[in-house]
Amino acid sequence: MDVEADPDPAGAPAASDDALRPSGSAGSGPDLDAPYVDNSGLDGSDLDDSGLDDMDLPSPGLPVPRWLGVVFLLVAVLTLGWVVELWVTLPYRDVSAHYRLAWAGFDAMLACMLARTGWLAWRGYDHVELPAVSAATLLVVDMWFDVVTSSTPKDRWLAIASAVLVEIPLAALCLWIARNAERVRRERLTWALRVDPRSLRR
């Protein structure tokens, strides 16, 4: 009579969770205590693609369809024509019925973008670049209209000083945040490509 072998014989050592994890790691991710290594200069030639050759991955393709590029270029050309139209037809002076609401609303939007940037930066999220770029754009717009809409020489000099000391440095910092976040995103992708996906399965 055939006897089936016991799949878990008594006395056999059980495999621990650590034995099923990737070598050199006590957890399921990168070693957060390891020293920082700047990989920004990697060109991808030294990436280990072991474990990726047998994976049928679709091409990521373009970020957006190419026809959208043509559409936005045409819109830019039409906008230049609108700029000429405004320059010729608009009066030199005008009185706005909602001047206070316009500036208060604009600065409220700017405050929201700055707060969103600060929150995502504090949490360490790499998509902080999105509100950072938005905040930089709003700061430049704020600087421009502060200067060109000043009604007195004193207000104009105050606006210029604010632009030099506040808006321009803060906009530059926001752009640096966006650039650095993109660099970190690329380094995370580099790390992901260097790891064999099969070694992360448990």
C-alpha atoms as a PDB file:
ATOM      1  CA  MET A   1       0.000   0.000   0.000  1.00  0.00           C
ATOM      2  CA  ASP A   2       1.370   3.409  -1.005  1.00  0.00           C
ATOM      3  CA  VAL A   3       1.720   5.921   1.795  1.00  0.00           C
ATOM      4  CA  GLU A   4       1.666   9.619   1.020  1.00  0.00           C
ATOM      5  CA  ALA A   5       4.532  11.602   2.409  1.00  0.00           C
ATOM      6  CA  ASP A   6       3.644  14.063   5.135  1.00  0.00           C
ATOM      7  CA  PRO A   7       4.140  17.525   3.589  1.00  0.00           C
ATOM      8  CA  ASP A   8       5.000  18.928   7.016  1.00  0.00           C
ATOM      9  CA  PRO A   9       6.801  16.194   8.930  1.00  0.00           C
ATOM     10  CA  ALA A  10       7.107  16.661  12.658  1.00  0.00           C
ATOM     11  CA  GLY A  11      10.353  18.133  13.757  1.00  0.00           C
ATOM     12  CA  ALA A  12      11.068  19.860  10.410  1.00  0.00           C
ATOM     13  CA  PRO A  13      12.181  23.459  10.955  1.00  0.00           C
ATOM     14  CA  ALA A  14       9.611  25.952   9.787  1.00  0.00           C
ATOM     15  CA  ALA A  15      10.714  28.649   7.392  1.00  0.00           C
ATOM     16  CA  SER A  16      10.781  31.997   9.097  1.00  0.00           C
ATOM     17  CA  ASP A  17       9.504  35.206   7.561  1.00  0.00           C
ATOM     18  CA  ASP A  18      13.048  36.532   7.359  1.00  0.00           C
ATOM     19  CA  ALA A  19      14.054  33.609   5.156  1.00  0.00           C
ATOM     20  CA  LEU A  20      11.391  34.606   2.630  1.00  0.00           C
ATOM     21  CA  ARG A  21      12.539  38.220   2.422  1.00  0.00           C
ATOM     22  CA  PRO A  22      15.166  39.568   0.031  1.00  0.00           C
ATOM     23  CA  SER A  23      18.688  39.075   1.194  1.00  0.00           C
ATOM     24  CA  GLY A  24      20.207  42.014   2.992  1.00  0.00           C
ATOM     25  CA  SER A  25      16.812  43.400   4.001  1.00  0.00           C
ATOM     26  CA  ALA A  26      14.771  42.844   7.133  1.00  0.00           C
ATOM     27  CA  GLY A  27      11.638  44.310   5.611  1.00  0.00           C
ATOM     28  CA  SER A  28       9.758  44.640   2.378  1.00  0.00           C
ATOM     29  CA  GLY A  29      11.343  47.749   0.952  1.00  0.00           C
ATOM     30  CA  PRO A  30      14.532  49.783   0.712  1.00  0.00           C
ATOM     31  CA  ASP A  31      16.689  50.101   3.794  1.00  0.00           C
ATOM     32  CA  LEU A  32      15.715  53.477   5.212  1.00  0.00           C
ATOM     33  CA  ASP A  33      18.733  53.469   7.543  1.00  0.00           C
ATOM     34  CA  ALA A  34      21.242  53.040   4.717  1.00  0.00           C
ATOM     35  CA  PRO A  35      23.428  56.056   3.880  1.00  0.00           C
ATOM     36  CA  TYR A  36      22.178  58.268   1.079  1.00  0.00           C
ATOM     37  CA  VAL A  37      23.746  57.625  -2.300  1.00  0.00           C
ATOM     38  CA  ASP A  38      23.364  60.222  -5.027  1.00  0.00           C
ATOM     39  CA  ASN A  39      22.335  58.355  -8.175  1.00  0.00           C
ATOM     40  CA  SER A  40      21.447  61.438 -10.171  1.00  0.00           C
ATOM     41  CA  GLY A  41      24.369  60.796 -12.522  1.00  0.00           C
ATOM     42  CA  LEU A  42      23.300  57.302 -13.506  1.00  0.00           C
ATOM     43  CA  ASP A  43      22.694  56.859 -17.198  1.00  0.00           C
ATOM     44  CA  GLY A  44      20.961  53.513 -16.855  1.00  0.00           C
ATOM     45  CA  SER A  45      23.833  51.480 -18.325  1.00  0.00           C
ATOM     46  CA  ASP A  46      24.608  49.725 -15.041  1.00  0.00           C
ATOM     47  CA  LEU A  47      21.051  48.737 -14.151  1.00  0.00           C
ATOM     48  CA  ASP A  48      20.501  45.097 -13.369  1.00  0.00           C
ATOM     49  CA  ASP A  49      17.604  43.855 -15.476  1.00  0.00           C
ATOM     50  CA  SER A  50      17.615  40.348 -14.031  1.00  0.00           C
ATOM     51  CA  GLY A  51      14.095  39.134 -13.600  1.00  0.00           C
ATOM     52  CA  LEU A  52      12.731  41.648 -16.084  1.00  0.00           C
ATOM     53  CA  ASP A  53      13.573  39.843 -19.328  1.00  0.00           C
ATOM     54  CA  ASP A  54      10.767  37.316 -18.930  1.00  0.00           C
ATOM     55  CA  MET A  55       8.168  39.942 -18.058  1.00  0.00           C
ATOM     56  CA  ASP A  56       5.880  41.047 -20.882  1.00  0.00           C
ATOM     57  CA  LEU A  57       5.587  44.737 -20.038  1.00  0.00           C
ATOM     58  CA  PRO A  58       3.714  47.066 -22.383  1.00  0.00           C
ATOM     59  CA  SER A  59       5.412  50.217 -23.587  1.00  0.00           C
ATOM     60  CA  PRO A  60       4.481  53.192 -21.413  1.00  0.00           C
ATOM     61  CA  GLY A  61       4.019  55.344 -24.513  1.00  0.00           C
ATOM     62  CA  LEU A  62       3.884  59.129 -24.604  1.00  0.00           C
ATOM     63  CA  PRO A  63       2.675  61.140 -21.615  1.00  0.00           C
ATOM     64  CA  VAL A  64       0.059  62.875 -23.786  1.00  0.00           C
ATOM     65  CA  PRO A  65      -1.053  62.486 -27.419  1.00  0.00           C
ATOM     66  CA  ARG A  66       1.051  64.426 -29.909  1.00  0.00           C
ATOM     67  CA  TRP A  67      -1.973  66.250 -31.329  1.00  0.00           C
ATOM     68  CA  LEU A  68      -2.349  68.054 -28.001  1.00  0.00           C
ATOM     69  CA  GLY A  69       1.029  69.657 -28.604  1.00  0.00           C
ATOM     70  CA  VAL A  70      -0.205  71.049 -31.923  1.00  0.00           C
ATOM     71  CA  VAL A  71      -3.396  72.321 -30.277  1.00  0.00           C
ATOM     72  CA  PHE A  72      -1.502  74.177 -27.548  1.00  0.00           C
ATOM     73  CA  LEU A  73       0.937  75.691 -30.045  1.00  0.00           C
ATOM     74  CA  LEU A  74      -2.009  77.023 -32.056  1.00  0.00           C
ATOM     75  CA  VAL A  75      -3.611  78.387 -28.889  1.00  0.00           C
ATOM     76  CA  ALA A  76      -0.324  80.141 -28.041  1.00  0.00           C
ATOM     77  CA  VAL A  77      -0.241  81.802 -31.477  1.00  0.00           C
ATOM     78  CA  LEU A  78      -3.871  82.920 -31.117  1.00  0.00           C
ATOM     79  CA  THR A  79      -3.088  84.280 -27.652  1.00  0.00           C
ATOM     80  CA  LEU A  80      -0.313  86.435 -29.101  1.00  0.00           C
ATOM     81  CA  GLY A  81      -2.855  87.921 -31.489  1.00  0.00           C
ATOM     82  CA  TRP A  82      -5.157  88.591 -28.547  1.00  0.00           C
ATOM     83  CA  VAL A  83      -2.296  90.368 -26.761  1.00  0.00           C
ATOM     84  CA  VAL A  84      -1.931  92.733 -29.711  1.00  0.00           C
ATOM     85  CA  GLU A  85      -5.698  93.329 -29.721  1.00  0.00           C
ATOM     86  CA  LEU A  86      -5.696  94.188 -26.013  1.00  0.00           C
ATOM     87  CA  TRP A  87      -2.717  96.518 -26.390  1.00  0.00           C
ATOM     88  CA  VAL A  88      -4.447  98.467 -29.155  1.00  0.00           C
ATOM     89  CA  THR A  89      -8.002  98.618 -27.801  1.00  0.00           C
ATOM     90  CA  LEU A  90      -7.780  98.752 -23.998  1.00  0.00           C
ATOM     91  CA  PRO A  91      -7.730 102.180 -22.347  1.00  0.00           C
ATOM     92  CA  TYR A  92      -4.684 103.432 -20.469  1.00  0.00           C
ATOM     93  CA  ARG A  93      -6.731 103.770 -17.268  1.00  0.00           C
ATOM     94  CA  ASP A  94      -9.821 101.971 -16.068  1.00  0.00           C
ATOM     95  CA  VAL A  95     -11.841 101.560 -12.876  1.00  0.00           C
ATOM     96  CA  SER A  96     -12.662  98.028 -11.774  1.00  0.00           C
ATOM     97  CA  ALA A  97     -15.937  97.338  -9.974  1.00  0.00           C
ATOM     98  CA  HIS A  98     -14.454  94.315  -8.156  1.00  0.00           C
ATOM     99  CA  TYR A  99     -10.846  95.379  -7.613  1.00  0.00           C
ATOM    100  CA  ARG A 100     -10.777  94.317  -3.954  1.00  0.00           C
ATOM    101  CA  LEU A 101     -12.404  90.960  -4.689  1.00  0.00           C
ATOM    102  CA  ALA A 102      -9.985  90.280  -7.543  1.00  0.00           C
ATOM    103  CA  TRP A 103      -6.864  90.788  -5.418  1.00  0.00           C
ATOM    104  CA  ALA A 104      -8.239  89.089  -2.303  1.00  0.00           C
ATOM    105  CA  GLY A 105      -9.342  86.067  -4.327  1.00  0.00           C
ATOM    106  CA  PHE A 106      -6.030  85.848  -6.144  1.00  0.00           C
ATOM    107  CA  ASP A 107      -4.008  86.008  -2.915  1.00  0.00           C
ATOM    108  CA  ALA A 108      -6.309  83.365  -1.392  1.00  0.00           C
ATOM    109  CA  MET A 109      -5.474  81.018  -4.273  1.00  0.00           C
ATOM    110  CA  LEU A 110      -1.779  81.786  -3.778  1.00  0.00           C
ATOM    111  CA  ALA A 111      -2.053  81.002  -0.065  1.00  0.00           C
ATOM    112  CA  CYS A 112      -3.740  77.670  -0.869  1.00  0.00           C
ATOM    113  CA  MET A 113      -0.945  76.662  -3.250  1.00  0.00           C
ATOM    114  CA  LEU A 114       1.748  77.649  -0.748  1.00  0.00           C
ATOM    115  CA  ALA A 115      -0.023  75.710   2.012  1.00  0.00           C
ATOM    116  CA  ARG A 116      -0.414  72.668  -0.247  1.00  0.00           C
ATOM    117  CA  THR A 117       3.271  72.824  -1.165  1.00  0.00           C
ATOM    118  CA  GLY A 118       4.286  73.058   2.475  1.00  0.00           C
ATOM    119  CA  TRP A 119       2.044  70.166   3.500  1.00  0.00           C
ATOM    120  CA  LEU A 120       3.298  67.802   0.787  1.00  0.00           C
ATOM    121  CA  ALA A 121       6.908  68.822   1.433  1.00  0.00           C
ATOM    122  CA  TRP A 122       6.501  68.110   5.144  1.00  0.00           C
ATOM    123  CA  ARG A 123       4.965  64.702   4.395  1.00  0.00           C
ATOM    124  CA  GLY A 124       7.749  63.891   1.926  1.00  0.00           C
ATOM    125  CA  TYR A 125       5.550  63.246  -1.121  1.00  0.00           C
ATOM    126  CA  ASP A 126       7.307  63.533  -4.469  1.00  0.00           C
ATOM    127  CA  HIS A 127       4.207  64.982  -6.188  1.00  0.00           C
ATOM    128  CA  VAL A 128       4.917  68.183  -4.270  1.00  0.00           C
ATOM    129  CA  GLU A 129       6.225  69.463  -7.605  1.00  0.00           C
ATOM    130  CA  LEU A 130       2.675  70.060  -8.864  1.00  0.00           C
ATOM    131  CA  PRO A 131       1.605  72.668  -6.287  1.00  0.00           C
ATOM    132  CA  ALA A 132       5.160  74.017  -6.171  1.00  0.00           C
ATOM    133  CA  VAL A 133       5.071  74.905  -9.872  1.00  0.00           C
ATOM    134  CA  SER A 134       1.583  76.370  -9.453  1.00  0.00           C
ATOM    135  CA  ALA A 135       2.757  78.483  -6.516  1.00  0.00           C
ATOM    136  CA  ALA A 136       5.785  79.716  -8.486  1.00  0.00           C
ATOM    137  CA  THR A 137       3.508  80.735 -11.367  1.00  0.00           C
ATOM    138  CA  LEU A 138       1.119  82.598  -9.093  1.00  0.00           C
ATOM    139  CA  LEU A 139       4.034  84.378  -7.380  1.00  0.00           C
ATOM    140  CA  VAL A 140       5.334  85.636 -10.729  1.00  0.00           C
ATOM    141  CA  VAL A 141       1.847  86.816 -11.718  1.00  0.00           C
ATOM    142  CA  ASP A 142       1.438  88.502  -8.336  1.00  0.00           C
ATOM    143  CA  MET A 143       4.772  90.275  -8.752  1.00  0.00           C
ATOM    144  CA  TRP A 144       3.884  91.460 -12.245  1.00  0.00           C
ATOM    145  CA  PHE A 145       0.509  92.943 -11.396  1.00  0.00           C
ATOM    146  CA  ASP A 146       1.757  94.451  -8.151  1.00  0.00           C
ATOM    147  CA  VAL A 147       4.359  96.419 -10.088  1.00  0.00           C
ATOM    148  CA  VAL A 148       2.389  97.445 -13.176  1.00  0.00           C
ATOM    149  CA  THR A 149      -0.814  98.384 -11.335  1.00  0.00           C
ATOM    150  CA  SER A 150       0.866 100.610  -8.755  1.00  0.00           C
ATOM    151  CA  SER A 151      -0.799 104.012  -8.824  1.00  0.00           C
ATOM    152  CA  THR A 152       1.919 106.077  -7.128  1.00  0.00           C
ATOM    153  CA  PRO A 153       5.721 106.078  -7.265  1.00  0.00           C
ATOM    154  CA  LYS A 154       5.843 105.033  -3.617  1.00  0.00           C
ATOM    155  CA  ASP A 155       3.580 102.039  -4.242  1.00  0.00           C
ATOM    156  CA  ARG A 156       5.639 101.098  -7.273  1.00  0.00           C
ATOM    157  CA  TRP A 157       8.898 101.082  -5.330  1.00  0.00           C
ATOM    158  CA  LEU A 158       7.284  99.046  -2.560  1.00  0.00           C
ATOM    159  CA  ALA A 159       6.053  96.560  -5.156  1.00  0.00           C
ATOM    160  CA  ILE A 160       9.521  96.318  -6.712  1.00  0.00           C
ATOM    161  CA  ALA A 161      11.106  95.780  -3.289  1.00  0.00           C
ATOM    162  CA  SER A 162       8.531  93.096  -2.495  1.00  0.00           C
ATOM    163  CA  ALA A 163       9.243  91.415  -5.825  1.00  0.00           C
ATOM    164  CA  VAL A 164      13.011  91.385  -5.275  1.00  0.00           C
ATOM    165  CA  LEU A 165      12.917  90.357  -1.613  1.00  0.00           C
ATOM    166  CA  VAL A 166       9.868  88.064  -1.481  1.00  0.00           C
ATOM    167  CA  GLU A 167       8.164  86.935  -4.695  1.00  0.00           C
ATOM    168  CA  ILE A 168      11.230  86.182  -6.829  1.00  0.00           C
ATOM    169  CA  PRO A 169      13.185  84.248  -4.137  1.00  0.00           C
ATOM    170  CA  LEU A 170      10.077  82.323  -3.103  1.00  0.00           C
ATOM    171  CA  ALA A 171       9.227  81.472  -6.715  1.00  0.00           C
ATOM    172  CA  ALA A 172      12.811  80.285  -7.255  1.00  0.00           C
ATOM    173  CA  LEU A 173      12.544  78.105  -4.143  1.00  0.00           C
ATOM    174  CA  CYS A 174       9.298  76.597  -5.427  1.00  0.00           C
ATOM    175  CA  LEU A 175      10.954  75.759  -8.747  1.00  0.00           C
ATOM    176  CA  TRP A 176      13.864  74.158  -6.893  1.00  0.00           C
ATOM    177  CA  ILE A 177      11.387  72.056  -4.897  1.00  0.00           C
ATOM    178  CA  ALA A 178       9.764  70.880  -8.124  1.00  0.00           C
ATOM    179  CA  ARG A 179      13.121  70.060  -9.738  1.00  0.00           C
ATOM    180  CA  ASN A 180      14.375  68.202  -6.671  1.00  0.00           C
ATOM    181  CA  ALA A 181      11.132  66.241  -6.385  1.00  0.00           C
ATOM    182  CA  GLU A 182      11.512  65.106  -9.987  1.00  0.00           C
ATOM    183  CA  ARG A 183      15.102  64.016  -9.263  1.00  0.00           C
ATOM    184  CA  VAL A 184      13.941  61.970  -6.271  1.00  0.00           C
ATOM    185  CA  ARG A 185      11.219  60.395  -8.401  1.00  0.00           C
ATOM    186  CA  ARG A 186      13.843  59.322 -10.945  1.00  0.00           C
ATOM    187  CA  GLU A 187      16.063  57.880  -8.204  1.00  0.00           C
ATOM    188  CA  ARG A 188      13.138  55.880  -6.839  1.00  0.00           C
ATOM    189  CA  LEU A 189      12.484  54.536 -10.330  1.00  0.00           C
ATOM    190  CA  THR A 190      16.172  53.647 -10.626  1.00  0.00           C
ATOM    191  CA  TRP A 191      15.972  51.718  -7.365  1.00  0.00           C
ATOM    192  CA  ALA A 192      12.833  49.916  -8.545  1.00  0.00           C
ATOM    193  CA  LEU A 193      14.561  48.840 -11.777  1.00  0.00           C
ATOM    194  CA  ARG A 194      17.597  47.527  -9.894  1.00  0.00           C
ATOM    195  CA  VAL A 195      15.479  45.201  -7.730  1.00  0.00           C
ATOM    196  CA  ASP A 196      14.359  41.811  -9.009  1.00  0.00           C
ATOM    197  CA  PRO A 197      10.537  41.884  -8.699  1.00  0.00           C
ATOM    198  CA  ARG A 198      10.509  38.133  -7.903  1.00  0.00           C
ATOM    199  CA  SER A 199      12.614  38.767  -4.805  1.00  0.00           C
ATOM    200  CA  LEU A 200       9.869  40.998  -3.402  1.00  0.00           C
ATOM    201  CA  ARG A 201       7.162  38.339  -3.671  1.00  0.00           C
ATOM    202  CA  ARG A 202       6.286  36.540  -0.467  1.00  0.00           C
END
